[in-house]
C-alpha cells in the first residue's frame, strides 16, 4: 500500500514510527569500549583477528586492506598480506553478551549486503547454548578444543579457530589448525590481548588457576619479548618487497592472501558477483573450506588458470585505480562489500 506522505495522517504515522525507533535506540543496551570496532566505532560484527592481535569487523577489515600492496593494521600499522576468516568464538560470544546491539548490526549489514549483492560468512548453530547464563555460556564457549579447558593466552589462527598458546605446536615449521587442518601463514601466532583480558576479567579464578597449572610445565616468554614474537609473525605474514608477479585486487578465498602472486585459479562455475579464486598453493591441496564470502563453491567446479597481467601490474605500481573488471573480479575488488 502506498501512502500519501503529504497527508496529515501519513505524517502522523511517520512521526510515531520515528519516535518508536528513537526510543528503541535509546533503550538498546550499551557495550564496553573494548568491544568497539577500531574502524566503524560500532560493536564488532563477525570479528576478524589480525596478525597483530587487533580486531575489527569482517567488512571493516576487508575495506581497510590494500588491494594492490601489503596491508597495515588500522591501529598499530603492523603489515600483513592475509585476510583472516571471521572468528566464530568471538561472533557467538558477542551475540550472547550483547544481543540487542549485535542483532542491530546484523540487520544493518544484511541490508548493505543486499544492496551490494555480496555476502559475509555464515555461522551455523550456536556454540553458546541459549539456556545457559551469560557467564556460564561464555565459559562454555571459551574452551580450548585441544586441552578441553578454559583458554589461556588465546591465539586466533588465520582460519578463525582459537586455542591456548601452549596447545599449538608447529608441524614442520608450519602451524596447522587441529580442527580444520588449515595452515597458519603468519609464523608464530600472537596472543589475542582482547580475548586474553576478557578471560582474565570474566573468569579471574579459573584463569589464574590455568596460569599456575601451566607455570611448571610450560615456559612462556616474558611480556617484554612479545614484541619480538609479533615481529617474527609480521615478517612471516608479509610478502617480499620485490615486484613479484601478482594479481592486483584479487585474493585467495582459502588462505586469504591478497593480492595473489603467481598463477591465479579462477572458478568458472561460481555465479557470485565477487567470484571465487585460489592461489596456486591452495589449488594444489584441493581444500574443502567454504569461500570467505559464502560462495556456493563445490569440488566439482572447474577452474581457469590465469597468468598475471603485466600491464595491470604496471598501472597499479603507479597508483592507478583499477576496477574489478580490469582483472576479472575477485574478492579484493573495492566495489565488493558494504
Protein backbone atom coordinates (compact mmCIF):
# COMPACT_ATOMS: atom_id res chain seq x y z
CA UNK A 1 0.00 0.00 0.00
CA UNK A 2 1.33 3.39 -0.97
CA UNK A 3 0.77 6.29 1.43
CA UNK A 4 0.42 9.93 0.51
CA UNK A 5 3.29 11.39 2.50
CA UNK A 6 1.79 14.87 2.29
CA UNK A 7 -1.42 13.95 4.13
CA UNK A 8 -1.68 14.68 7.90
CA UNK A 9 -2.45 11.03 8.61
CA UNK A 10 0.67 9.79 6.82
CA UNK A 11 2.81 12.40 8.57
CA UNK A 12 1.40 11.31 11.94
CA UNK A 13 2.22 7.68 11.19
CA UNK A 14 5.77 8.64 10.20
CA UNK A 15 6.28 10.63 13.40
CA UNK A 16 5.07 7.73 15.53
CA UNK A 17 7.42 5.35 13.69
CA UNK A 18 10.38 7.72 14.09
CA UNK A 19 9.62 8.17 17.79
CA UNK A 20 9.43 4.40 18.28
CA UNK A 21 12.78 3.95 16.53
CA UNK A 22 14.40 6.62 18.70
CA UNK A 23 13.05 5.02 21.87
CA UNK A 24 14.31 1.63 20.73
CA UNK A 25 17.79 3.04 20.10
CA UNK A 26 17.81 4.76 23.50
CA UNK A 27 16.78 1.54 25.24
CA UNK A 28 19.46 -0.52 23.47
CA UNK A 29 21.92 -1.96 25.91
CA UNK A 30 25.35 -0.38 25.96
CA UNK A 31 28.52 -2.36 25.35
CA UNK A 32 32.05 -1.71 26.69
CA UNK A 33 34.54 0.22 24.58
CA UNK A 34 36.74 -2.85 24.23
CA UNK A 35 34.00 -4.46 22.12
CA UNK A 36 34.05 -1.50 19.74
CA UNK A 37 35.45 -1.90 16.23
CA UNK A 38 38.50 0.30 15.68
CA UNK A 39 37.23 1.25 12.20
CA UNK A 40 33.45 1.83 12.37
CA UNK A 41 33.36 2.52 16.15
CA UNK A 42 30.28 0.30 16.50
CA UNK A 43 30.10 -3.12 18.14
CA UNK A 44 32.38 -5.58 16.32
CA UNK A 45 30.34 -7.70 13.91
CA UNK A 46 31.67 -11.06 12.71
CA UNK A 47 35.06 -10.10 14.15
CA UNK A 48 38.34 -10.71 12.33
CA UNK A 49 41.58 -11.00 14.33
CA UNK A 50 44.63 -9.65 12.51
CA UNK A 51 48.18 -10.97 12.79
CA UNK A 52 48.99 -8.34 15.43
CA UNK A 53 46.02 -9.35 17.58
CA UNK A 54 43.85 -6.29 16.90
CA UNK A 55 40.23 -6.93 15.96
CA UNK A 56 37.72 -5.29 13.62
CA UNK A 57 34.52 -6.20 11.79
CA UNK A 58 34.69 -8.54 8.80
CA UNK A 59 33.73 -5.87 6.26
CA UNK A 60 35.73 -3.15 8.03
CA UNK A 61 38.84 -5.32 7.76
CA UNK A 62 38.14 -6.06 4.11
CA UNK A 63 37.69 -2.39 3.23
CA UNK A 64 40.78 -1.34 5.19
CA UNK A 65 43.06 -3.68 3.22
CA UNK A 66 45.31 -2.52 0.40
CA UNK A 67 44.22 -4.49 -2.68
CA UNK A 68 47.49 -3.92 -4.57
CA UNK A 69 50.27 -3.87 -1.97
CA UNK A 70 50.72 -5.13 1.59
CA UNK A 71 48.07 -4.04 4.09
CA UNK A 72 48.53 -2.47 7.52
CA UNK A 73 46.57 -2.76 10.76
CA UNK A 74 44.40 0.37 11.28
CA UNK A 75 45.59 0.55 14.91
CA UNK A 76 49.31 -0.33 15.05
CA UNK A 77 50.21 -0.28 11.32
CA UNK A 78 51.59 -3.83 11.53
CA UNK A 79 51.95 -5.11 7.92
CA UNK A 80 50.13 -8.22 6.72
CA UNK A 81 49.02 -9.89 3.48
CA UNK A 82 46.34 -12.37 4.57
CA UNK A 83 42.66 -11.58 5.13
CA UNK A 84 41.75 -13.87 8.08
CA UNK A 85 38.46 -15.68 8.43
CA UNK A 86 35.93 -14.39 10.96
CA UNK A 87 36.36 -15.77 14.47
CA UNK A 88 33.28 -17.83 15.29
CA UNK A 89 34.02 -17.83 19.01
CA UNK A 90 34.02 -14.03 19.21
CA UNK A 91 30.95 -13.86 16.97
CA UNK A 92 28.83 -16.05 19.25
CA UNK A 93 30.35 -14.53 22.39
CA UNK A 94 29.29 -11.01 21.41
CA UNK A 95 25.89 -12.27 20.29
CA UNK A 96 25.38 -13.89 23.71
CA UNK A 97 26.62 -10.99 25.83
CA UNK A 98 25.14 -8.09 23.85
CA UNK A 99 22.27 -9.45 21.72
CA UNK A 100 20.49 -6.13 21.13
CA UNK A 101 23.33 -4.10 19.53
CA UNK A 102 24.72 -7.19 17.82
CA UNK A 103 21.40 -8.06 16.18
CA UNK A 104 21.01 -4.41 15.17
CA UNK A 105 24.36 -4.61 13.40
CA UNK A 106 23.30 -7.89 11.79
CA UNK A 107 20.24 -6.21 10.30
CA UNK A 108 22.28 -3.24 9.07
CA UNK A 109 24.93 -5.42 7.45
CA UNK A 110 22.30 -7.68 5.86
CA UNK A 111 20.67 -4.67 4.20
CA UNK A 112 24.02 -3.36 2.96
CA UNK A 113 25.00 -6.77 1.61
CA UNK A 114 21.67 -6.99 -0.21
CA UNK A 115 22.30 -3.63 -1.87
CA UNK A 116 25.85 -4.57 -2.92
CA UNK A 117 24.99 -8.12 -3.97
CA UNK A 118 27.51 -9.80 -1.69
CA UNK A 119 27.59 -11.93 1.47
CA UNK A 120 29.71 -12.40 4.57
CA UNK A 121 30.49 -15.74 6.30
CA UNK A 122 27.52 -17.60 7.76
CA UNK A 123 27.85 -19.37 11.10
CA UNK A 124 25.69 -22.43 11.67
CA UNK A 125 24.30 -23.31 15.09
CA UNK A 126 25.32 -21.63 18.31
CA UNK A 127 28.33 -22.72 20.33
CA UNK A 128 26.81 -20.96 23.34
CA UNK A 129 23.67 -22.73 24.49
CA UNK A 130 20.79 -20.23 24.87
CA UNK A 131 19.57 -21.69 28.17
CA UNK A 132 22.88 -21.01 29.92
CA UNK A 133 23.51 -17.85 31.89
CA UNK A 134 25.73 -15.19 30.32
CA UNK A 135 28.84 -16.11 32.31
CA UNK A 136 28.33 -19.88 32.18
CA UNK A 137 27.58 -19.74 28.47
CA UNK A 138 30.66 -17.64 27.81
CA UNK A 139 32.89 -20.02 29.77
CA UNK A 140 31.48 -23.00 27.88
CA UNK A 141 32.28 -21.25 24.60
CA UNK A 142 35.83 -20.32 25.57
CA UNK A 143 37.04 -23.89 26.00
CA UNK A 144 40.16 -24.90 24.05
CA UNK A 145 39.45 -27.67 21.53
CA UNK A 146 42.80 -29.32 22.32
CA UNK A 147 43.10 -29.38 26.12
CA UNK A 148 39.34 -29.06 26.79
CA UNK A 149 39.98 -26.38 29.43
CA UNK A 150 39.43 -22.64 29.63
CA UNK A 151 41.53 -20.89 27.01
CA UNK A 152 44.78 -19.49 28.39
CA UNK A 153 46.79 -16.90 26.47
CA UNK A 154 44.48 -17.46 23.48
CA UNK A 155 45.75 -17.28 19.92
CA UNK A 156 43.46 -16.92 16.90
CA UNK A 157 44.71 -18.65 13.76
CA UNK A 158 44.18 -17.45 10.20
CA UNK A 159 41.21 -19.85 9.91
CA UNK A 160 39.42 -18.16 12.83
CA UNK A 161 39.75 -21.02 15.34
CA UNK A 162 41.10 -20.23 18.82
CA UNK A 163 43.48 -22.23 21.02
CA UNK A 164 45.71 -21.85 24.05
CA UNK A 165 49.13 -20.59 23.03
CA UNK A 166 50.72 -23.67 24.63
CA UNK A 167 48.39 -26.08 22.78
CA UNK A 168 49.53 -25.01 19.30
CA UNK A 169 52.74 -26.63 18.11
CA UNK A 170 54.36 -26.15 14.68
CA UNK A 171 54.37 -29.07 12.25
CA UNK A 172 57.49 -28.88 10.06
CA UNK A 173 57.88 -25.18 10.93
CA UNK A 174 54.24 -24.55 9.99
CA UNK A 175 51.39 -24.03 12.43
CA UNK A 176 48.32 -26.03 11.44
CA UNK A 177 44.79 -25.85 12.87
CA UNK A 178 43.87 -29.08 14.72
CA UNK A 179 40.21 -28.69 13.71
CA UNK A 180 40.20 -27.76 10.01
CA UNK A 181 43.86 -28.58 9.20
CA UNK A 182 44.37 -25.15 7.61
CA UNK A 183 47.92 -23.84 7.73
CA UNK A 184 48.63 -20.62 9.61
CA UNK A 185 50.68 -18.48 7.19
CA UNK A 186 51.85 -15.87 9.66
CA UNK A 187 54.56 -17.69 11.57
CA UNK A 188 54.28 -17.58 15.38
CA UNK A 189 50.66 -16.79 16.36
CA UNK A 190 50.30 -13.71 18.55
CA UNK A 191 48.22 -13.80 21.73
CA UNK A 192 44.89 -12.03 21.22
CA UNK A 193 45.14 -9.48 24.03
CA UNK A 194 41.46 -8.54 23.73
CA UNK A 195 40.34 -12.10 24.46
CA UNK A 196 43.16 -12.53 27.00
CA UNK A 197 41.94 -9.57 29.07
CA UNK A 198 38.30 -10.63 28.64
CA UNK A 199 39.03 -14.06 30.13
CA UNK A 200 41.03 -12.51 32.97
CA UNK A 201 38.13 -10.21 33.86
CA UNK A 202 35.21 -12.63 33.49
CA UNK A 203 36.89 -15.76 34.89
CA UNK A 204 39.61 -14.49 37.28
CA UNK A 205 39.84 -17.64 39.43
CA UNK A 206 39.78 -20.10 36.55
CA UNK A 207 42.25 -18.05 34.50
CA UNK A 208 44.62 -17.70 37.44
CA UNK A 209 44.36 -21.44 38.01
CA UNK A 210 45.30 -22.14 34.40
CA UNK A 211 48.32 -19.88 34.77
CA UNK A 212 49.52 -21.69 37.87
CA UNK A 213 48.94 -25.16 36.43
CA UNK A 214 50.93 -24.37 33.30
CA UNK A 215 53.74 -22.49 35.05
CA UNK A 216 55.69 -25.61 36.00
CA UNK A 217 55.38 -27.40 32.64
CA UNK A 218 55.46 -24.57 30.08
CA UNK A 219 57.98 -21.76 29.96
CA UNK A 220 56.21 -18.77 28.40
CA UNK A 221 58.22 -15.92 27.01
CA UNK A 222 58.27 -12.86 29.29
CA UNK A 223 55.98 -10.00 28.37
CA UNK A 224 58.92 -7.95 27.20
CA UNK A 225 59.64 -10.43 24.40
CA UNK A 226 56.12 -10.36 22.98
CA UNK A 227 57.16 -7.62 20.60
CA UNK A 228 59.83 -9.92 19.21
CA UNK A 229 57.28 -12.66 18.62
CA UNK A 230 54.97 -10.21 16.87
CA UNK A 231 57.89 -9.04 14.73
CA UNK A 232 58.57 -12.63 13.63
CA UNK A 233 54.87 -13.10 12.93
CA UNK A 234 54.79 -9.90 10.91
CA UNK A 235 57.77 -10.94 8.80
CA UNK A 236 56.13 -14.28 8.06
CA UNK A 237 52.87 -12.62 7.02
CA UNK A 238 54.34 -10.16 4.54
CA UNK A 239 55.44 -10.94 1.00
CA UNK A 240 58.88 -9.89 -0.22
CA UNK A 241 59.00 -6.23 -1.20
CA UNK A 242 60.16 -7.04 -4.73
CA UNK A 243 57.71 -6.60 -7.59
CA UNK A 244 56.70 -10.25 -7.97
CA UNK A 245 54.10 -11.34 -10.49
CA UNK A 246 50.81 -10.63 -8.79
CA UNK A 247 47.11 -10.05 -9.49
CA UNK A 248 46.12 -6.58 -8.24
CA UNK A 249 42.84 -6.60 -6.38
CA UNK A 250 42.39 -10.40 -6.33
CA UNK A 251 42.69 -12.53 -3.18
CA UNK A 252 42.62 -16.25 -2.42
CA UNK A 253 39.32 -17.49 -0.97
CA UNK A 254 41.04 -20.21 1.07
CA UNK A 255 44.18 -18.79 2.69
CA UNK A 256 43.13 -15.15 2.23
CA UNK A 257 46.36 -13.87 0.68
CA UNK A 258 45.79 -10.52 -1.04
CA UNK A 259 46.88 -9.96 -3.74
CA UNK A 260 47.50 -13.41 -5.24
CA UNK A 261 51.04 -13.88 -6.58
CA UNK A 262 51.95 -16.21 -9.43
CA UNK A 263 49.24 -18.22 -11.17
CA UNK A 264 45.67 -17.48 -10.15
CA UNK A 265 42.92 -20.09 -10.41
CA UNK A 266 39.50 -18.59 -11.10
CA UNK A 267 36.37 -20.73 -10.74
CA UNK A 268 34.35 -20.89 -13.96
CA UNK A 269 31.17 -22.14 -12.30
CA UNK A 270 30.67 -19.88 -9.27
CA UNK A 271 27.99 -17.34 -10.15
CA UNK A 272 28.51 -14.89 -7.29
CA UNK A 273 29.49 -11.36 -8.29
CA UNK A 274 32.57 -11.47 -6.10
CA UNK A 275 33.83 -14.63 -7.83
CA UNK A 276 35.92 -17.44 -6.36
CA UNK A 277 39.71 -17.53 -6.72
CA UNK A 278 42.58 -19.62 -5.36
CA UNK A 279 46.31 -19.11 -5.21
CA UNK A 280 48.45 -21.91 -6.64
CA UNK A 281 49.26 -23.44 -3.24
CA UNK A 282 45.60 -23.70 -2.18
CA UNK A 283 44.59 -25.00 -5.62
CA UNK A 284 47.08 -27.87 -5.33
CA UNK A 285 45.91 -29.07 -1.91
CA UNK A 286 42.24 -29.21 -3.01
CA UNK A 287 40.96 -27.88 0.31
CA UNK A 288 37.26 -28.18 1.11
CA UNK A 289 36.87 -24.95 3.04
CA UNK A 290 33.97 -22.57 2.30
CA UNK A 291 34.64 -19.34 0.46
CA UNK A 292 35.35 -16.26 2.53
CA UNK A 293 32.20 -14.61 1.19
CA UNK A 294 29.78 -17.52 1.49
CA UNK A 295 30.20 -18.54 -2.16
CA UNK A 296 28.45 -21.78 -3.08
CA UNK A 297 31.62 -23.36 -4.45
CA UNK A 298 31.76 -27.17 -4.79
CA UNK A 299 34.58 -29.61 -5.52
CA UNK A 300 33.23 -30.42 -8.99
CA UNK A 301 33.60 -26.82 -10.18
CA UNK A 302 36.21 -26.14 -12.87
CA UNK A 303 38.98 -23.54 -12.83
CA UNK A 304 40.77 -21.36 -15.35
CA UNK A 305 44.49 -20.76 -14.78
CA UNK A 306 45.21 -17.04 -15.20
CA UNK A 307 48.69 -15.57 -15.50
CA UNK A 308 49.42 -12.12 -14.06
CA UNK A 309 48.52 -9.23 -16.34
CA UNK A 310 51.75 -7.23 -16.53
CA UNK A 311 50.01 -4.17 -17.95
CA UNK A 312 47.66 -4.10 -14.95
CA UNK A 313 50.66 -4.58 -12.65
CA UNK A 314 52.41 -1.56 -14.17
CA UNK A 315 49.30 0.59 -13.78
CA UNK A 316 48.90 -0.43 -10.15
CA UNK A 317 52.56 0.36 -9.43
CA UNK A 318 51.81 3.96 -10.42
CA UNK A 319 48.81 4.08 -8.12
CA UNK A 320 46.19 3.74 -10.85
CA UNK A 321 42.68 2.89 -9.61
CA UNK A 322 41.56 -0.38 -11.20
CA UNK A 323 38.06 -1.77 -11.36
CA UNK A 324 37.18 -5.41 -10.76
CA UNK A 325 36.65 -5.92 -14.49
CA UNK A 326 40.25 -4.96 -15.23
CA UNK A 327 41.44 -8.28 -13.83
CA UNK A 328 38.38 -10.46 -13.88
CA UNK A 329 36.89 -9.60 -10.46
CA UNK A 330 37.97 -11.26 -7.21
CA UNK A 331 37.39 -10.58 -3.53
CA UNK A 332 39.90 -7.74 -3.49
CA UNK A 333 37.65 -5.50 -5.56
CA UNK A 334 36.82 -2.23 -3.83
CA UNK A 335 33.34 -2.42 -5.36
CA UNK A 336 32.55 -5.57 -3.38
CA UNK A 337 31.06 -5.35 0.08
CA UNK A 338 29.22 -2.72 2.13
